[in-house]
Amino acid sequence: MRARGELTEEEFLLKKGALSKEKLCLQELLNDTLNRVDKWLDAAGKVFDFARDAKNSFETGDLEAKRRVIAALGSNLILKDKVLTIKIEKPLIFLEKISSGVKEIYSRLEPEKRHEKTTNIGALFEKSPLILPGVDSNHQPCD
């Protein structure tokens, strides 16, 4: 466009500057998103590690280990009439919801009657709306 005279050098430089600013802004947004994803994955890993190890730590650990497990479960711990009430943290509520789906899949005595044979238990987990809410069986976000 510039060579054909449709765009002056001044217009070109203005558009180039605006596009450079937009590119920088988009790059910053992308970097911020990547940082948030890394933090989320780190937090999710910690929650899953806790879920994996909490029962054993509570059953075999000393009083301090048991206290840490209970404190990590949530907040607003209330002990009344020898009953402990805890406001469970959001990530653990999610684990509580999907645990019923996991138990259901593992407790099946016979596979569902289908035309296709299911040999991969991972496929059953992928199709469960409890375990992967908001994602269809092709791993695409649902609208």
N, C-alpha and C. Protein backbone atom coordinates (compact mmCIF):
# COMPACT_ATOMS: atom_id res chain seq x y z
N MET A 1 0.82 -1.18 0.00
CA MET A 1 0.00 0.00 0.00
C MET A 1 0.87 1.25 0.00
N ARG A 2 1.97 1.17 0.72
CA ARG A 2 2.87 2.31 0.78
C ARG A 2 3.57 2.52 -0.55
N ALA A 3 3.97 1.43 -1.22
CA ALA A 3 4.66 1.51 -2.51
C ALA A 3 3.74 2.06 -3.60
N ARG A 4 2.46 1.76 -3.52
CA ARG A 4 1.51 2.24 -4.52
C ARG A 4 1.01 3.66 -4.21
N GLY A 5 1.47 4.22 -3.11
CA GLY A 5 1.09 5.57 -2.76
C GLY A 5 -0.27 5.66 -2.08
N GLU A 6 -0.84 4.53 -1.69
CA GLU A 6 -2.14 4.53 -1.02
C GLU A 6 -2.01 4.91 0.45
N LEU A 7 -0.80 4.86 0.96
CA LEU A 7 -0.54 5.13 2.36
C LEU A 7 0.72 5.96 2.47
N THR A 8 0.64 7.06 3.19
CA THR A 8 1.84 7.90 3.36
C THR A 8 2.74 7.27 4.40
N GLU A 9 3.97 7.73 4.42
CA GLU A 9 4.93 7.22 5.40
C GLU A 9 4.46 7.53 6.82
N GLU A 10 3.87 8.70 6.99
CA GLU A 10 3.38 9.10 8.32
C GLU A 10 2.24 8.18 8.77
N GLU A 11 1.31 7.89 7.86
CA GLU A 11 0.20 6.98 8.19
C GLU A 11 0.72 5.58 8.50
N PHE A 12 1.69 5.15 7.70
CA PHE A 12 2.30 3.84 7.93
C PHE A 12 2.92 3.76 9.33
N LEU A 13 3.70 4.78 9.70
CA LEU A 13 4.35 4.79 11.00
C LEU A 13 3.33 4.83 12.14
N LEU A 14 2.24 5.58 11.96
CA LEU A 14 1.19 5.63 12.98
C LEU A 14 0.54 4.25 13.16
N LYS A 15 0.20 3.61 12.05
CA LYS A 15 -0.43 2.28 12.12
C LYS A 15 0.54 1.26 12.70
N LYS A 16 1.80 1.35 12.29
CA LYS A 16 2.82 0.42 12.81
C LYS A 16 2.98 0.59 14.32
N GLY A 17 3.00 1.85 14.78
CA GLY A 17 3.12 2.12 16.21
C GLY A 17 1.93 1.58 16.99
N ALA A 18 0.72 1.80 16.46
CA ALA A 18 -0.49 1.30 17.12
C ALA A 18 -0.49 -0.22 17.17
N LEU A 19 -0.10 -0.86 16.07
CA LEU A 19 -0.05 -2.32 16.05
C LEU A 19 1.04 -2.86 16.96
N SER A 20 2.15 -2.16 17.07
CA SER A 20 3.23 -2.59 17.98
C SER A 20 2.75 -2.52 19.43
N LYS A 21 2.02 -1.45 19.76
CA LYS A 21 1.47 -1.31 21.12
C LYS A 21 0.47 -2.43 21.41
N GLU A 22 -0.38 -2.72 20.43
CA GLU A 22 -1.36 -3.79 20.61
C GLU A 22 -0.67 -5.14 20.77
N LYS A 23 0.38 -5.37 19.99
CA LYS A 23 1.15 -6.62 20.10
C LYS A 23 1.76 -6.75 21.49
N LEU A 24 2.33 -5.66 22.02
CA LEU A 24 2.92 -5.68 23.35
C LEU A 24 1.86 -5.96 24.41
N CYS A 25 0.70 -5.32 24.26
CA CYS A 25 -0.39 -5.55 25.21
C CYS A 25 -0.84 -7.01 25.19
N LEU A 26 -1.00 -7.56 24.00
CA LEU A 26 -1.42 -8.96 23.87
C LEU A 26 -0.36 -9.90 24.44
N GLN A 27 0.90 -9.58 24.24
CA GLN A 27 1.98 -10.40 24.79
C GLN A 27 1.96 -10.39 26.31
N GLU A 28 1.69 -9.22 26.89
CA GLU A 28 1.59 -9.12 28.36
C GLU A 28 0.40 -9.93 28.87
N LEU A 29 -0.73 -9.87 28.16
CA LEU A 29 -1.90 -10.67 28.55
C LEU A 29 -1.59 -12.16 28.49
N LEU A 30 -0.90 -12.56 27.44
CA LEU A 30 -0.53 -13.97 27.30
C LEU A 30 0.40 -14.40 28.43
N ASN A 31 1.40 -13.58 28.74
CA ASN A 31 2.33 -13.91 29.83
C ASN A 31 1.60 -14.00 31.17
N ASP A 32 0.67 -13.07 31.39
CA ASP A 32 -0.11 -13.09 32.63
C ASP A 32 -0.95 -14.36 32.72
N THR A 33 -1.56 -14.73 31.60
CA THR A 33 -2.37 -15.95 31.58
C THR A 33 -1.51 -17.18 31.85
N LEU A 34 -0.34 -17.23 31.25
CA LEU A 34 0.56 -18.37 31.48
C LEU A 34 0.99 -18.44 32.94
N ASN A 35 1.25 -17.28 33.56
CA ASN A 35 1.61 -17.27 34.98
C ASN A 35 0.47 -17.76 35.85
N ARG A 36 -0.77 -17.33 35.52
CA ARG A 36 -1.92 -17.78 36.30
C ARG A 36 -2.14 -19.27 36.13
N VAL A 37 -1.94 -19.80 34.93
CA VAL A 37 -2.08 -21.24 34.70
C VAL A 37 -1.04 -22.00 35.51
N ASP A 38 0.20 -21.53 35.52
CA ASP A 38 1.25 -22.18 36.32
C ASP A 38 0.89 -22.19 37.80
N LYS A 39 0.39 -21.06 38.31
CA LYS A 39 -0.01 -21.00 39.72
C LYS A 39 -1.17 -21.95 40.01
N TRP A 40 -2.14 -22.00 39.09
CA TRP A 40 -3.28 -22.88 39.28
C TRP A 40 -2.84 -24.34 39.28
N LEU A 41 -1.96 -24.71 38.36
CA LEU A 41 -1.48 -26.09 38.31
C LEU A 41 -0.70 -26.46 39.57
N ASP A 42 0.09 -25.51 40.08
CA ASP A 42 0.82 -25.75 41.32
C ASP A 42 -0.15 -25.96 42.49
N ALA A 43 -1.17 -25.10 42.56
CA ALA A 43 -2.16 -25.23 43.63
C ALA A 43 -2.93 -26.54 43.50
N ALA A 44 -3.30 -26.90 42.27
CA ALA A 44 -4.03 -28.15 42.05
C ALA A 44 -3.16 -29.35 42.45
N GLY A 45 -1.88 -29.30 42.13
CA GLY A 45 -0.98 -30.39 42.53
C GLY A 45 -0.90 -30.54 44.04
N LYS A 46 -0.86 -29.40 44.73
CA LYS A 46 -0.82 -29.45 46.20
C LYS A 46 -2.11 -30.03 46.77
N VAL A 47 -3.25 -29.67 46.18
CA VAL A 47 -4.54 -30.20 46.66
C VAL A 47 -4.59 -31.71 46.44
N PHE A 48 -4.16 -32.17 45.26
CA PHE A 48 -4.19 -33.61 45.00
C PHE A 48 -3.20 -34.36 45.89
N ASP A 49 -2.03 -33.77 46.15
CA ASP A 49 -1.08 -34.40 47.07
C ASP A 49 -1.69 -34.51 48.46
N PHE A 50 -2.36 -33.44 48.89
CA PHE A 50 -3.01 -33.47 50.20
C PHE A 50 -4.08 -34.55 50.23
N ALA A 51 -4.92 -34.61 49.19
CA ALA A 51 -5.99 -35.60 49.15
C ALA A 51 -5.42 -37.02 49.18
N ARG A 52 -4.29 -37.23 48.53
CA ARG A 52 -3.66 -38.55 48.49
C ARG A 52 -3.09 -38.94 49.86
N ASP A 53 -2.48 -37.97 50.57
CA ASP A 53 -1.73 -38.29 51.78
C ASP A 53 -2.45 -38.04 53.09
N ALA A 54 -3.57 -37.31 53.07
CA ALA A 54 -4.21 -36.86 54.31
C ALA A 54 -4.67 -38.02 55.20
N LYS A 55 -5.31 -39.00 54.62
CA LYS A 55 -5.84 -40.11 55.42
C LYS A 55 -4.70 -40.83 56.16
N ASN A 56 -3.65 -41.15 55.44
CA ASN A 56 -2.52 -41.85 56.07
C ASN A 56 -1.87 -40.98 57.14
N SER A 57 -1.69 -39.68 56.85
CA SER A 57 -1.09 -38.78 57.84
C SER A 57 -1.94 -38.69 59.10
N PHE A 58 -3.25 -38.65 58.90
CA PHE A 58 -4.14 -38.54 60.06
C PHE A 58 -4.16 -39.83 60.87
N GLU A 59 -4.16 -40.97 60.19
CA GLU A 59 -4.24 -42.26 60.90
C GLU A 59 -2.94 -42.65 61.58
N THR A 60 -1.80 -42.30 60.97
CA THR A 60 -0.53 -42.78 61.52
C THR A 60 0.33 -41.68 62.14
N GLY A 61 -0.06 -40.42 61.93
CA GLY A 61 0.76 -39.32 62.40
C GLY A 61 0.57 -38.99 63.86
N ASP A 62 1.46 -38.13 64.37
CA ASP A 62 1.34 -37.67 65.75
C ASP A 62 0.27 -36.58 65.83
N LEU A 63 0.09 -36.00 67.01
CA LEU A 63 -0.94 -34.98 67.20
C LEU A 63 -0.72 -33.77 66.28
N GLU A 64 0.52 -33.38 66.07
CA GLU A 64 0.81 -32.23 65.22
C GLU A 64 0.43 -32.53 63.76
N ALA A 65 0.70 -33.74 63.30
CA ALA A 65 0.33 -34.13 61.93
C ALA A 65 -1.19 -34.13 61.77
N LYS A 66 -1.88 -34.63 62.78
CA LYS A 66 -3.36 -34.62 62.73
C LYS A 66 -3.89 -33.20 62.74
N ARG A 67 -3.28 -32.32 63.51
CA ARG A 67 -3.72 -30.93 63.56
C ARG A 67 -3.53 -30.26 62.21
N ARG A 68 -2.40 -30.54 61.55
CA ARG A 68 -2.14 -29.96 60.23
C ARG A 68 -3.17 -30.44 59.20
N VAL A 69 -3.53 -31.71 59.25
CA VAL A 69 -4.52 -32.24 58.32
C VAL A 69 -5.86 -31.56 58.53
N ILE A 70 -6.28 -31.46 59.76
CA ILE A 70 -7.58 -30.83 60.06
C ILE A 70 -7.56 -29.35 59.67
N ALA A 71 -6.47 -28.66 59.97
CA ALA A 71 -6.37 -27.23 59.63
C ALA A 71 -6.37 -27.02 58.12
N ALA A 72 -5.80 -27.96 57.38
CA ALA A 72 -5.73 -27.83 55.92
C ALA A 72 -7.08 -28.10 55.24
N LEU A 73 -7.98 -28.76 55.95
CA LEU A 73 -9.28 -29.07 55.36
C LEU A 73 -10.13 -27.83 55.13
N GLY A 74 -9.98 -26.83 55.96
CA GLY A 74 -10.80 -25.64 55.79
C GLY A 74 -10.63 -24.67 56.93
N SER A 75 -11.65 -23.87 57.12
CA SER A 75 -11.60 -22.83 58.15
C SER A 75 -12.84 -22.92 59.02
N ASN A 76 -12.91 -22.00 59.98
CA ASN A 76 -14.04 -21.94 60.91
C ASN A 76 -14.26 -23.28 61.62
N LEU A 77 -13.19 -23.81 62.19
CA LEU A 77 -13.30 -25.06 62.93
C LEU A 77 -14.05 -24.82 64.23
N ILE A 78 -15.12 -25.59 64.46
CA ILE A 78 -15.92 -25.45 65.67
C ILE A 78 -16.07 -26.83 66.29
N LEU A 79 -15.70 -26.92 67.56
CA LEU A 79 -15.87 -28.16 68.30
C LEU A 79 -17.00 -27.96 69.30
N LYS A 80 -18.08 -28.69 69.11
CA LYS A 80 -19.24 -28.56 69.98
C LYS A 80 -19.78 -29.95 70.26
N ASP A 81 -19.92 -30.29 71.52
CA ASP A 81 -20.42 -31.60 71.94
C ASP A 81 -19.63 -32.74 71.29
N LYS A 82 -18.31 -32.57 71.27
CA LYS A 82 -17.39 -33.57 70.72
C LYS A 82 -17.58 -33.81 69.22
N VAL A 83 -18.19 -32.85 68.52
CA VAL A 83 -18.36 -32.93 67.07
C VAL A 83 -17.62 -31.74 66.46
N LEU A 84 -16.73 -32.03 65.53
CA LEU A 84 -15.94 -31.00 64.86
C LEU A 84 -16.63 -30.61 63.55
N THR A 85 -16.90 -29.32 63.40
CA THR A 85 -17.50 -28.79 62.18
C THR A 85 -16.45 -27.94 61.48
N ILE A 86 -16.31 -28.15 60.16
CA ILE A 86 -15.30 -27.44 59.38
C ILE A 86 -15.96 -26.88 58.12
N LYS A 87 -15.65 -25.63 57.79
CA LYS A 87 -16.06 -25.07 56.50
C LYS A 87 -14.99 -25.49 55.50
N ILE A 88 -15.34 -26.42 54.62
CA ILE A 88 -14.37 -27.02 53.69
C ILE A 88 -14.02 -26.02 52.59
N GLU A 89 -12.73 -26.00 52.23
CA GLU A 89 -12.23 -25.12 51.17
C GLU A 89 -12.76 -25.57 49.80
N LYS A 90 -12.87 -24.64 48.85
CA LYS A 90 -13.43 -24.92 47.53
C LYS A 90 -12.76 -26.08 46.79
N PRO A 91 -11.42 -26.16 46.74
CA PRO A 91 -10.82 -27.27 45.99
C PRO A 91 -11.21 -28.63 46.57
N LEU A 92 -11.38 -28.70 47.86
CA LEU A 92 -11.75 -29.98 48.48
C LEU A 92 -13.21 -30.31 48.23
N ILE A 93 -14.06 -29.28 48.10
CA ILE A 93 -15.46 -29.52 47.76
C ILE A 93 -15.53 -30.14 46.37
N PHE A 94 -14.70 -29.65 45.45
CA PHE A 94 -14.65 -30.24 44.11
C PHE A 94 -14.25 -31.71 44.19
N LEU A 95 -13.24 -32.03 44.98
CA LEU A 95 -12.82 -33.43 45.12
C LEU A 95 -13.93 -34.27 45.72
N GLU A 96 -14.67 -33.70 46.65
CA GLU A 96 -15.79 -34.42 47.26
C GLU A 96 -16.85 -34.75 46.21
N LYS A 97 -17.13 -33.79 45.31
CA LYS A 97 -18.13 -34.02 44.27
C LYS A 97 -17.70 -35.10 43.30
N ILE A 98 -16.44 -35.07 42.86
CA ILE A 98 -16.03 -36.05 41.85
C ILE A 98 -15.77 -37.42 42.46
N SER A 99 -15.58 -37.49 43.78
CA SER A 99 -15.31 -38.79 44.39
C SER A 99 -16.49 -39.74 44.21
N SER A 100 -17.71 -39.20 44.20
CA SER A 100 -18.87 -40.08 43.98
C SER A 100 -18.83 -40.68 42.57
N GLY A 101 -18.40 -39.88 41.58
CA GLY A 101 -18.28 -40.40 40.23
C GLY A 101 -17.20 -41.45 40.11
N VAL A 102 -16.08 -41.23 40.79
CA VAL A 102 -14.99 -42.20 40.78
C VAL A 102 -15.44 -43.50 41.44
N LYS A 103 -16.10 -43.39 42.58
CA LYS A 103 -16.58 -44.59 43.28
C LYS A 103 -17.57 -45.36 42.42
N GLU A 104 -18.44 -44.63 41.72
CA GLU A 104 -19.43 -45.28 40.86
C GLU A 104 -18.75 -46.07 39.74
N ILE A 105 -17.73 -45.49 39.14
CA ILE A 105 -17.04 -46.17 38.03
C ILE A 105 -16.33 -47.42 38.55
N TYR A 106 -15.66 -47.33 39.69
CA TYR A 106 -14.93 -48.48 40.21
C TYR A 106 -15.85 -49.54 40.81
N SER A 107 -17.06 -49.17 41.22
CA SER A 107 -17.93 -50.14 41.89
C SER A 107 -18.80 -50.92 40.91
N ARG A 108 -18.73 -50.62 39.64
CA ARG A 108 -19.54 -51.34 38.67
C ARG A 108 -19.14 -52.81 38.62
N LEU A 109 -20.14 -53.66 38.72
CA LEU A 109 -19.86 -55.10 38.63
C LEU A 109 -19.70 -55.53 37.18
N GLU A 110 -20.49 -54.94 36.30
CA GLU A 110 -20.41 -55.27 34.89
C GLU A 110 -20.31 -53.97 34.11
N PRO A 111 -19.60 -54.00 32.98
CA PRO A 111 -19.55 -52.79 32.17
C PRO A 111 -20.93 -52.48 31.59
N GLU A 112 -21.13 -51.20 31.26
CA GLU A 112 -22.39 -50.82 30.63
C GLU A 112 -22.55 -51.57 29.32
N LYS A 113 -23.80 -51.91 28.98
CA LYS A 113 -24.05 -52.61 27.73
C LYS A 113 -23.99 -51.61 26.59
N ARG A 114 -23.01 -51.78 25.74
CA ARG A 114 -22.80 -50.91 24.59
C ARG A 114 -22.39 -51.75 23.41
N HIS A 115 -22.46 -51.16 22.25
CA HIS A 115 -22.00 -51.84 21.05
C HIS A 115 -20.48 -51.90 21.00
N GLU A 116 -19.85 -50.96 21.64
CA GLU A 116 -18.40 -50.91 21.63
C GLU A 116 -17.86 -51.50 22.94
N LYS A 117 -16.67 -52.04 22.89
CA LYS A 117 -16.05 -52.59 24.10
C LYS A 117 -15.22 -51.50 24.76
N THR A 118 -15.38 -51.37 26.07
CA THR A 118 -14.61 -50.37 26.81
C THR A 118 -13.55 -51.10 27.61
N THR A 119 -12.30 -50.96 27.18
CA THR A 119 -11.21 -51.62 27.90
C THR A 119 -10.39 -50.61 28.68
N ASN A 120 -10.57 -49.34 28.42
CA ASN A 120 -9.78 -48.31 29.06
C ASN A 120 -10.62 -47.59 30.10
N ILE A 121 -10.29 -47.74 31.37
CA ILE A 121 -11.05 -47.07 32.43
C ILE A 121 -10.94 -45.56 32.32
N GLY A 122 -9.85 -45.08 31.71
CA GLY A 122 -9.69 -43.65 31.50
C GLY A 122 -10.81 -43.08 30.64
N ALA A 123 -11.28 -43.87 29.69
CA ALA A 123 -12.38 -43.41 28.84
C ALA A 123 -13.64 -43.20 29.67
N LEU A 124 -13.87 -44.06 30.66
CA LEU A 124 -15.04 -43.88 31.53
C LEU A 124 -14.93 -42.59 32.34
N PHE A 125 -13.72 -42.29 32.82
CA PHE A 125 -13.52 -41.05 33.57
C PHE A 125 -13.73 -39.84 32.68
N GLU A 126 -13.25 -39.92 31.43
CA GLU A 126 -13.37 -38.80 30.52
C GLU A 126 -14.82 -38.49 30.17
N LYS A 127 -15.68 -39.50 30.19
CA LYS A 127 -17.08 -39.31 29.82
C LYS A 127 -17.94 -38.90 30.99
N SER A 128 -17.41 -38.94 32.20
CA SER A 128 -18.20 -38.61 33.37
C SER A 128 -18.38 -37.10 33.51
N PRO A 129 -19.62 -36.62 33.54
CA PRO A 129 -19.84 -35.18 33.71
C PRO A 129 -19.46 -34.69 35.11
N LEU A 130 -19.38 -35.59 36.07
CA LEU A 130 -18.96 -35.18 37.41
C LEU A 130 -17.47 -34.92 37.48
N ILE A 131 -16.70 -35.70 36.73
CA ILE A 131 -15.25 -35.59 36.82
C ILE A 131 -14.71 -34.50 35.91
N LEU A 132 -15.28 -34.34 34.72
CA LEU A 132 -14.86 -33.29 33.81
C LEU A 132 -16.05 -32.42 33.44
N PRO A 133 -16.58 -31.64 34.41
CA PRO A 133 -17.73 -30.80 34.09
C PRO A 133 -17.36 -29.71 33.09
N GLY A 134 -18.29 -29.40 32.18
CA GLY A 134 -18.04 -28.35 31.21
C GLY A 134 -17.20 -28.76 30.03
N VAL A 135 -16.87 -30.05 29.92
CA VAL A 135 -16.07 -30.54 28.80
C VAL A 135 -16.79 -31.73 28.21
N ASP A 136 -16.96 -31.75 26.88
CA ASP A 136 -17.62 -32.88 26.27
C ASP A 136 -16.62 -34.02 26.07
N SER A 137 -17.10 -35.15 25.55
CA SER A 137 -16.24 -36.33 25.45
C SER A 137 -15.11 -36.16 24.43
N ASN A 138 -15.14 -35.10 23.62
CA ASN A 138 -14.05 -34.82 22.69
C ASN A 138 -13.07 -33.81 23.26
N HIS A 139 -13.13 -33.55 24.57
CA HIS A 139 -12.26 -32.64 25.29
C HIS A 139 -12.44 -31.20 24.83
N GLN A 140 -13.62 -30.83 24.36
CA GLN A 140 -13.90 -29.48 23.94
C GLN A 140 -14.78 -28.81 24.99
N PRO A 141 -14.51 -27.56 25.33
CA PRO A 141 -15.38 -26.85 26.27
C PRO A 141 -16.80 -26.77 25.72
N CYS A 142 -17.76 -27.01 26.60
CA CYS A 142 -19.16 -26.91 26.20
C CYS A 142 -19.61 -25.47 26.26
N ASP A 143 -20.51 -25.09 25.37
CA ASP A 143 -21.02 -23.72 25.36
C ASP A 143 -22.19 -23.58 26.31
